[in-house]
Amino acid sequence: MLGFLAEWLFPIECISCGKSGSWFCRECFENIEFYPLNSCIFCGCFSFLGLTCNKCRTEKKLDGVFSYNSYKKIVLKKLINNYKYNYVESLSQDLSLMVETVIENIKKGQAIGSLPLIIDEKTLYFFVPLHKKRLRQRGFNQSFKILEDLSGRGMVENSFLAGGLFRNRYTAPQAKIDDNKERSLNLKNAFSYQGDSLNGKNIVLIDDVATTGATLEECAKVLKAAGAKKVYGVCVARG
């Protein structure tokens, strides 16, 4: 509802160049290049395409975070913020195309042996859930919409659009917490999984943006407790 009102009340024009007709024009979309980050999301050390490094892997459950570009890129940050906080729900189409590029790059990496097997016919796709209070405030789950668009285009199979991963309690927005330890504490026991055993399957978690990886890590904990073999985050941007 909020997304509909935003698009009805305000003139539709590109958030980057101001050209009328769409929230994000093709020219500006094409100007955001695919630039995956080669660093571990937890410690920042070099790690190919965003795999969790060997040191962090000993204490973390999340096996890597793959992204389209950096959240520090001004246009991309503006795009995501308009999507989430100005309720421009239709921007999910542009963001899902970026996530699609990330997924295709993972598949190419697997094919040439530079990446471990992450995506196959048994891989399950989840979206990061919102608490029902936050969902009422925003009117839609931004991660769900991206996964829904991907599924609608036939890009992903075995997608849990009906849920499976749930948010147990309302938490303060992660964007408003600067300290990494406080971010982790804010999300402790915030998620749960309801369903059958994940039985050694690989999981891809779809989200819009990952900064410290705390949200994806908490989701990975409950998914691995339910039997998942590997859990990877795939998002539009990394902080």
C-alpha atoms as a PDB file:
ATOM      1  CA  MET A   1       0.000   0.000   0.000  1.00  0.00           C
ATOM      2  CA  LEU A   2       2.772   2.460   0.915  1.00  0.00           C
ATOM      3  CA  GLY A   3       4.597   1.628  -2.298  1.00  0.00           C
ATOM      4  CA  PHE A   4       1.436   2.300  -4.309  1.00  0.00           C
ATOM      5  CA  LEU A   5       0.895   5.655  -2.573  1.00  0.00           C
ATOM      6  CA  ALA A   6       4.513   6.696  -3.169  1.00  0.00           C
ATOM      7  CA  GLU A   7       4.189   5.997  -6.879  1.00  0.00           C
ATOM      8  CA  TRP A   8       0.792   7.748  -7.076  1.00  0.00           C
ATOM      9  CA  LEU A   9       1.635  10.895  -5.089  1.00  0.00           C
ATOM     10  CA  PHE A  10       5.029  11.714  -6.595  1.00  0.00           C
ATOM     11  CA  PRO A  11       6.103  12.094 -10.230  1.00  0.00           C
ATOM     12  CA  ILE A  12       7.854   8.990 -11.509  1.00  0.00           C
ATOM     13  CA  GLU A  13      11.367   9.983 -12.487  1.00  0.00           C
ATOM     14  CA  CYS A  14      14.764   8.338 -12.396  1.00  0.00           C
ATOM     15  CA  ILE A  15      16.286   8.618  -8.928  1.00  0.00           C
ATOM     16  CA  SER A  16      19.715   9.051 -10.496  1.00  0.00           C
ATOM     17  CA  CYS A  17      19.351  11.430 -13.471  1.00  0.00           C
ATOM     18  CA  GLY A  18      15.800  12.753 -13.035  1.00  0.00           C
ATOM     19  CA  LYS A  19      14.536  11.571 -16.411  1.00  0.00           C
ATOM     20  CA  SER A  20      10.767  11.052 -16.292  1.00  0.00           C
ATOM     21  CA  GLY A  21       9.021   7.776 -16.996  1.00  0.00           C
ATOM     22  CA  SER A  22      10.674   5.304 -14.620  1.00  0.00           C
ATOM     23  CA  TRP A  23      12.177   5.200 -11.167  1.00  0.00           C
ATOM     24  CA  PHE A  24      15.485   3.998 -12.582  1.00  0.00           C
ATOM     25  CA  CYS A  25      16.153   4.449 -16.302  1.00  0.00           C
ATOM     26  CA  ARG A  26      17.998   1.932 -18.481  1.00  0.00           C
ATOM     27  CA  GLU A  27      20.976   4.225 -19.033  1.00  0.00           C
ATOM     28  CA  CYS A  28      21.574   4.649 -15.299  1.00  0.00           C
ATOM     29  CA  PHE A  29      21.016   0.946 -14.684  1.00  0.00           C
ATOM     30  CA  GLU A  30      23.671   0.059 -17.246  1.00  0.00           C
ATOM     31  CA  ASN A  31      26.095   2.528 -15.653  1.00  0.00           C
ATOM     32  CA  ILE A  32      26.219   0.467 -12.446  1.00  0.00           C
ATOM     33  CA  GLU A  33      28.809  -2.116 -13.357  1.00  0.00           C
ATOM     34  CA  PHE A  34      29.050  -5.582 -11.870  1.00  0.00           C
ATOM     35  CA  TYR A  35      31.962  -5.384  -9.424  1.00  0.00           C
ATOM     36  CA  PRO A  36      32.067  -8.269  -6.928  1.00  0.00           C
ATOM     37  CA  LEU A  37      34.057  -7.687  -3.753  1.00  0.00           C
ATOM     38  CA  ASN A  38      37.000 -10.003  -3.079  1.00  0.00           C
ATOM     39  CA  SER A  39      36.965  -9.873   0.702  1.00  0.00           C
ATOM     40  CA  CYS A  40      35.625 -11.769   3.688  1.00  0.00           C
ATOM     41  CA  ILE A  41      32.597  -9.938   5.046  1.00  0.00           C
ATOM     42  CA  PHE A  42      33.613 -10.604   8.649  1.00  0.00           C
ATOM     43  CA  CYS A  43      37.271  -9.499   8.749  1.00  0.00           C
ATOM     44  CA  GLY A  44      37.792  -7.742   5.410  1.00  0.00           C
ATOM     45  CA  CYS A  45      40.818  -9.782   4.378  1.00  0.00           C
ATOM     46  CA  PHE A  46      41.192 -10.943   0.769  1.00  0.00           C
ATOM     47  CA  SER A  47      38.844 -13.782  -0.080  1.00  0.00           C
ATOM     48  CA  PHE A  48      37.799 -14.679  -3.604  1.00  0.00           C
ATOM     49  CA  LEU A  49      34.429 -13.142  -4.554  1.00  0.00           C
ATOM     50  CA  GLY A  50      33.355 -12.898  -0.911  1.00  0.00           C
ATOM     51  CA  LEU A  51      33.829 -16.405   0.443  1.00  0.00           C
ATOM     52  CA  THR A  52      34.276 -16.489   4.222  1.00  0.00           C
ATOM     53  CA  CYS A  53      38.025 -16.729   4.856  1.00  0.00           C
ATOM     54  CA  ASN A  54      39.634 -19.800   6.442  1.00  0.00           C
ATOM     55  CA  LYS A  55      40.190 -18.040   9.781  1.00  0.00           C
ATOM     56  CA  CYS A  56      36.620 -16.741  10.154  1.00  0.00           C
ATOM     57  CA  ARG A  57      35.161 -20.025   8.937  1.00  0.00           C
ATOM     58  CA  THR A  58      36.263 -21.705  12.166  1.00  0.00           C
ATOM     59  CA  GLU A  59      33.794 -19.622  14.203  1.00  0.00           C
ATOM     60  CA  LYS A  60      31.188 -18.441  11.688  1.00  0.00           C
ATOM     61  CA  LYS A  61      28.336 -20.385  10.093  1.00  0.00           C
ATOM     62  CA  LEU A  62      27.921 -18.219   6.983  1.00  0.00           C
ATOM     63  CA  ASP A  63      30.082 -19.550   4.151  1.00  0.00           C
ATOM     64  CA  GLY A  64      30.241 -16.407   2.020  1.00  0.00           C
ATOM     65  CA  VAL A  65      28.427 -13.317   0.734  1.00  0.00           C
ATOM     66  CA  PHE A  66      28.287 -12.588  -2.983  1.00  0.00           C
ATOM     67  CA  SER A  67      27.183  -9.162  -4.199  1.00  0.00           C
ATOM     68  CA  TYR A  68      26.709  -7.067  -7.337  1.00  0.00           C
ATOM     69  CA  ASN A  69      28.675  -4.051  -6.122  1.00  0.00           C
ATOM     70  CA  SER A  70      29.529  -2.001  -3.035  1.00  0.00           C
ATOM     71  CA  TYR A  71      26.938  -0.189  -0.911  1.00  0.00           C
ATOM     72  CA  LYS A  72      29.410   2.703  -0.900  1.00  0.00           C
ATOM     73  CA  LYS A  73      28.557   3.325  -4.545  1.00  0.00           C
ATOM     74  CA  ILE A  74      26.297   6.386  -4.239  1.00  0.00           C
ATOM     75  CA  VAL A  75      23.791   5.529  -6.973  1.00  0.00           C
ATOM     76  CA  LEU A  76      23.363   1.970  -5.740  1.00  0.00           C
ATOM     77  CA  LYS A  77      22.896   3.137  -2.145  1.00  0.00           C
ATOM     78  CA  LYS A  78      20.301   5.659  -3.321  1.00  0.00           C
ATOM     79  CA  LEU A  79      18.512   2.964  -5.285  1.00  0.00           C
ATOM     80  CA  ILE A  80      18.321   0.583  -2.318  1.00  0.00           C
ATOM     81  CA  ASN A  81      17.295   3.310   0.127  1.00  0.00           C
ATOM     82  CA  ASN A  82      14.450   4.438  -2.140  1.00  0.00           C
ATOM     83  CA  TYR A  83      13.347   0.827  -2.434  1.00  0.00           C
ATOM     84  CA  LYS A  84      13.347   0.180   1.319  1.00  0.00           C
ATOM     85  CA  TYR A  85      12.605   3.513   2.969  1.00  0.00           C
ATOM     86  CA  ASN A  86      10.629   5.427   0.339  1.00  0.00           C
ATOM     87  CA  TYR A  87       8.594   2.298  -0.428  1.00  0.00           C
ATOM     88  CA  VAL A  88       9.227   2.227  -4.201  1.00  0.00           C
ATOM     89  CA  GLU A  89       8.346  -1.445  -4.445  1.00  0.00           C
ATOM     90  CA  SER A  90       8.699  -1.656  -8.240  1.00  0.00           C
ATOM     91  CA  LEU A  91      12.479  -1.154  -7.924  1.00  0.00           C
ATOM     92  CA  SER A  92      12.639  -4.833  -6.970  1.00  0.00           C
ATOM     93  CA  GLN A  93      12.731  -5.604 -10.697  1.00  0.00           C
ATOM     94  CA  ASP A  94      15.998  -3.711 -11.208  1.00  0.00           C
ATOM     95  CA  LEU A  95      17.537  -5.096  -8.028  1.00  0.00           C
ATOM     96  CA  SER A  96      16.556  -8.664  -8.908  1.00  0.00           C
ATOM     97  CA  LEU A  97      18.320  -8.298 -12.273  1.00  0.00           C
ATOM     98  CA  MET A  98      21.498  -7.420 -10.367  1.00  0.00           C
ATOM     99  CA  VAL A  99      21.073 -10.449  -8.121  1.00  0.00           C
ATOM    100  CA  GLU A 100      20.498 -12.541 -11.244  1.00  0.00           C
ATOM    101  CA  THR A 101      23.914 -11.420 -12.527  1.00  0.00           C
ATOM    102  CA  VAL A 102      25.486 -12.484  -9.220  1.00  0.00           C
ATOM    103  CA  ILE A 103      23.888 -15.934  -9.437  1.00  0.00           C
ATOM    104  CA  GLU A 104      25.037 -16.380 -13.037  1.00  0.00           C
ATOM    105  CA  ASN A 105      28.582 -15.411 -11.998  1.00  0.00           C
ATOM    106  CA  ILE A 106      28.543 -18.042  -9.251  1.00  0.00           C
ATOM    107  CA  LYS A 107      27.488 -20.669 -11.798  1.00  0.00           C
ATOM    108  CA  LYS A 108      30.302 -19.623 -14.143  1.00  0.00           C
ATOM    109  CA  GLY A 109      32.791 -19.835 -11.277  1.00  0.00           C
ATOM    110  CA  GLN A 110      31.611 -23.331 -10.487  1.00  0.00           C
ATOM    111  CA  ALA A 111      31.890 -24.359 -14.140  1.00  0.00           C
ATOM    112  CA  ILE A 112      35.562 -23.389 -14.374  1.00  0.00           C
ATOM    113  CA  GLY A 113      36.389 -24.668 -10.893  1.00  0.00           C
ATOM    114  CA  SER A 114      37.215 -21.346  -9.245  1.00  0.00           C
ATOM    115  CA  LEU A 115      34.291 -21.715  -6.829  1.00  0.00           C
ATOM    116  CA  PRO A 116      33.082 -24.726  -4.819  1.00  0.00           C
ATOM    117  CA  LEU A 117      29.723 -26.243  -5.709  1.00  0.00           C
ATOM    118  CA  ILE A 118      27.215 -23.718  -4.369  1.00  0.00           C
ATOM    119  CA  ILE A 119      24.269 -23.840  -6.757  1.00  0.00           C
ATOM    120  CA  ASP A 120      22.841 -27.051  -8.211  1.00  0.00           C
ATOM    121  CA  GLU A 121      19.381 -28.560  -8.710  1.00  0.00           C
ATOM    122  CA  LYS A 122      19.083 -29.265  -4.969  1.00  0.00           C
ATOM    123  CA  THR A 123      20.062 -25.791  -3.723  1.00  0.00           C
ATOM    124  CA  LEU A 124      17.300 -24.083  -1.741  1.00  0.00           C
ATOM    125  CA  TYR A 125      16.642 -20.328  -1.887  1.00  0.00           C
ATOM    126  CA  PHE A 126      15.361 -18.393   1.114  1.00  0.00           C
ATOM    127  CA  PHE A 127      14.654 -14.709   1.656  1.00  0.00           C
ATOM    128  CA  VAL A 128      15.628 -12.923   4.852  1.00  0.00           C
ATOM    129  CA  PRO A 129      12.375 -12.463   6.810  1.00  0.00           C
ATOM    130  CA  LEU A 130      11.020  -9.308   8.433  1.00  0.00           C
ATOM    131  CA  HIS A 131       9.165  -9.167  11.719  1.00  0.00           C
ATOM    132  CA  LYS A 132       5.413  -8.713  11.164  1.00  0.00           C
ATOM    133  CA  LYS A 133       5.570  -5.234  12.743  1.00  0.00           C
ATOM    134  CA  ARG A 134       8.290  -4.099  10.294  1.00  0.00           C
ATOM    135  CA  LEU A 135       6.374  -5.733   7.455  1.00  0.00           C
ATOM    136  CA  ARG A 136       3.273  -3.695   8.337  1.00  0.00           C
ATOM    137  CA  GLN A 137       5.360  -0.514   8.456  1.00  0.00           C
ATOM    138  CA  ARG A 138       7.010  -1.062   5.072  1.00  0.00           C
ATOM    139  CA  GLY A 139       4.174  -2.841   3.322  1.00  0.00           C
ATOM    140  CA  PHE A 140       6.437  -5.438   1.711  1.00  0.00           C
ATOM    141  CA  ASN A 141       9.517  -7.507   2.402  1.00  0.00           C
ATOM    142  CA  GLN A 142      12.281  -6.217   0.121  1.00  0.00           C
ATOM    143  CA  SER A 143      14.161  -9.539   0.101  1.00  0.00           C
ATOM    144  CA  PHE A 144      10.997 -11.514  -0.640  1.00  0.00           C
ATOM    145  CA  LYS A 145      10.189  -9.270  -3.607  1.00  0.00           C
ATOM    146  CA  ILE A 146      13.644  -9.831  -5.115  1.00  0.00           C
ATOM    147  CA  LEU A 147      13.335 -13.597  -4.722  1.00  0.00           C
ATOM    148  CA  GLU A 148       9.778 -13.504  -6.078  1.00  0.00           C
ATOM    149  CA  ASP A 149      10.968 -11.673  -9.208  1.00  0.00           C
ATOM    150  CA  LEU A 150      13.810 -14.162  -9.684  1.00  0.00           C
ATOM    151  CA  SER A 151      11.420 -17.068  -9.292  1.00  0.00           C
ATOM    152  CA  GLY A 152       8.915 -15.514 -11.689  1.00  0.00           C
ATOM    153  CA  ARG A 153      11.586 -15.302 -14.392  1.00  0.00           C
ATOM    154  CA  GLY A 154      12.559 -18.934 -13.847  1.00  0.00           C
ATOM    155  CA  MET A 155      15.983 -17.960 -12.534  1.00  0.00           C
ATOM    156  CA  VAL A 156      15.765 -19.993  -9.328  1.00  0.00           C
ATOM    157  CA  GLU A 157      14.148 -23.273  -8.388  1.00  0.00           C
ATOM    158  CA  ASN A 158      13.241 -24.571  -4.940  1.00  0.00           C
ATOM    159  CA  SER A 159      12.530 -21.069  -3.615  1.00  0.00           C
ATOM    160  CA  PHE A 160      10.798 -20.801  -0.241  1.00  0.00           C
ATOM    161  CA  LEU A 161       8.404 -17.981  -1.132  1.00  0.00           C
ATOM    162  CA  ALA A 162       5.915 -19.235   1.445  1.00  0.00           C
ATOM    163  CA  GLY A 163       8.417 -18.891   4.267  1.00  0.00           C
ATOM    164  CA  GLY A 164      10.348 -21.465   6.252  1.00  0.00           C
ATOM    165  CA  LEU A 165      12.663 -18.939   7.857  1.00  0.00           C
ATOM    166  CA  PHE A 166      10.941 -16.697  10.393  1.00  0.00           C
ATOM    167  CA  ARG A 167      11.739 -13.647  12.487  1.00  0.00           C
ATOM    168  CA  ASN A 168      10.855 -14.334  16.118  1.00  0.00           C
ATOM    169  CA  ARG A 169      11.049 -10.864  17.587  1.00  0.00           C
ATOM    170  CA  TYR A 170      11.143  -7.212  16.639  1.00  0.00           C
ATOM    171  CA  THR A 171      14.659  -5.756  16.651  1.00  0.00           C
ATOM    172  CA  ALA A 172      16.170  -2.307  16.241  1.00  0.00           C
ATOM    173  CA  PRO A 173      17.172  -1.529  12.618  1.00  0.00           C
ATOM    174  CA  GLN A 174      20.716  -2.750  12.008  1.00  0.00           C
ATOM    175  CA  ALA A 175      21.501   0.414  10.031  1.00  0.00           C
ATOM    176  CA  LYS A 176      21.145   2.440  13.235  1.00  0.00           C
ATOM    177  CA  ILE A 177      23.711   0.365  15.173  1.00  0.00           C
ATOM    178  CA  ASP A 178      27.376   1.134  14.538  1.00  0.00           C
ATOM    179  CA  ASP A 179      29.126  -1.383  16.781  1.00  0.00           C
ATOM    180  CA  ASN A 180      29.537  -4.849  15.254  1.00  0.00           C
ATOM    181  CA  LYS A 181      29.142  -6.672  18.576  1.00  0.00           C
ATOM    182  CA  GLU A 182      25.944  -4.770  19.325  1.00  0.00           C
ATOM    183  CA  ARG A 183      24.645  -5.672  15.880  1.00  0.00           C
ATOM    184  CA  SER A 184      25.170  -9.346  16.664  1.00  0.00           C
ATOM    185  CA  LEU A 185      23.544  -9.060  20.091  1.00  0.00           C
ATOM    186  CA  ASN A 186      20.603  -7.205  18.577  1.00  0.00           C
ATOM    187  CA  LEU A 187      19.869 -10.225  16.367  1.00  0.00           C
ATOM    188  CA  LYS A 188      20.657 -13.025  18.817  1.00  0.00           C
ATOM    189  CA  ASN A 189      17.900 -15.672  18.658  1.00  0.00           C
ATOM    190  CA  ALA A 190      15.900 -13.423  16.342  1.00  0.00           C
ATOM    191  CA  PHE A 191      15.323 -16.128  13.705  1.00  0.00           C
ATOM    192  CA  SER A 192      13.924 -19.641  13.564  1.00  0.00           C
ATOM    193  CA  TYR A 193      13.389 -22.299  10.926  1.00  0.00           C
ATOM    194  CA  GLN A 194      10.161 -24.250  10.619  1.00  0.00           C
ATOM    195  CA  GLY A 195      10.025 -27.188   8.256  1.00  0.00           C
ATOM    196  CA  ASP A 196      11.603 -30.488   7.325  1.00  0.00           C
ATOM    197  CA  SER A 197      15.279 -31.246   7.808  1.00  0.00           C
ATOM    198  CA  LEU A 198      17.418 -29.462   5.261  1.00  0.00           C
ATOM    199  CA  ASN A 199      19.317 -32.718   4.894  1.00  0.00           C
ATOM    200  CA  GLY A 200      22.751 -31.562   3.789  1.00  0.00           C
ATOM    201  CA  LYS A 201      21.508 -29.136   1.128  1.00  0.00           C
ATOM    202  CA  ASN A 202      23.189 -25.869   0.177  1.00  0.00           C
ATOM    203  CA  ILE A 203      21.204 -22.721   0.946  1.00  0.00           C
ATOM    204  CA  VAL A 204      21.257 -19.356  -0.813  1.00  0.00           C
ATOM    205  CA  LEU A 205      19.919 -16.484   1.290  1.00  0.00           C
ATOM    206  CA  ILE A 206      18.622 -13.545  -0.759  1.00  0.00           C
ATOM    207  CA  ASP A 207      18.875 -10.046   0.729  1.00  0.00           C
ATOM    208  CA  ASP A 208      19.160  -6.492  -0.554  1.00  0.00           C
ATOM    209  CA  VAL A 209      22.250  -5.346   1.339  1.00  0.00           C
ATOM    210  CA  ALA A 210      24.780  -6.835   3.769  1.00  0.00           C
ATOM    211  CA  THR A 211      27.056  -4.640   5.837  1.00  0.00           C
ATOM    212  CA  THR A 212      28.689  -6.648   8.656  1.00  0.00           C
ATOM    213  CA  GLY A 213      26.984  -9.931   7.763  1.00  0.00           C
ATOM    214  CA  ALA A 214      25.322 -10.169  11.190  1.00  0.00           C
ATOM    215  CA  THR A 215      21.805 -10.769   9.836  1.00  0.00           C
ATOM    216  CA  LEU A 216      22.901 -13.430   7.359  1.00  0.00           C
ATOM    217  CA  GLU A 217      25.071 -15.075  10.023  1.00  0.00           C
ATOM    218  CA  GLU A 218      22.132 -15.415  12.433  1.00  0.00           C
ATOM    219  CA  CYS A 219      20.016 -16.922   9.649  1.00  0.00           C
ATOM    220  CA  ALA A 220      22.850 -19.304   8.774  1.00  0.00           C
ATOM    221  CA  LYS A 221      23.014 -20.529  12.370  1.00  0.00           C
ATOM    222  CA  VAL A 222      19.405 -21.722  12.426  1.00  0.00           C
ATOM    223  CA  LEU A 223      19.580 -23.172   8.901  1.00  0.00           C
ATOM    224  CA  LYS A 224      22.675 -25.202   9.723  1.00  0.00           C
ATOM    225  CA  ALA A 225      21.060 -26.349  12.958  1.00  0.00           C
ATOM    226  CA  ALA A 226      18.243 -27.659  10.729  1.00  0.00           C
ATOM    227  CA  GLY A 227      20.697 -29.686   8.659  1.00  0.00           C
ATOM    228  CA  ALA A 228      21.942 -27.328   5.936  1.00  0.00           C
ATOM    229  CA  LYS A 229      25.404 -28.150   4.569  1.00  0.00           C
ATOM    230  CA  LYS A 230      26.481 -24.695   3.366  1.00  0.00           C
ATOM    231  CA  VAL A 231      24.786 -21.284   3.613  1.00  0.00           C
ATOM    232  CA  TYR A 232      25.670 -18.380   1.343  1.00  0.00           C
ATOM    233  CA  GLY A 233      24.292 -14.868   1.153  1.00  0.00           C
ATOM    234  CA  VAL A 234      23.536 -13.320  -2.250  1.00  0.00           C
ATOM    235  CA  CYS A 235      22.694  -9.642  -2.244  1.00  0.00           C
ATOM    236  CA  VAL A 236      22.678  -6.498  -4.329  1.00  0.00           C
ATOM    237  CA  ALA A 237      25.295  -4.664  -2.294  1.00  0.00           C
ATOM    238  CA  ARG A 238      27.805  -5.118   0.481  1.00  0.00           C
ATOM    239  CA  GLY A 239      28.802  -2.400   2.897  1.00  0.00           C
END
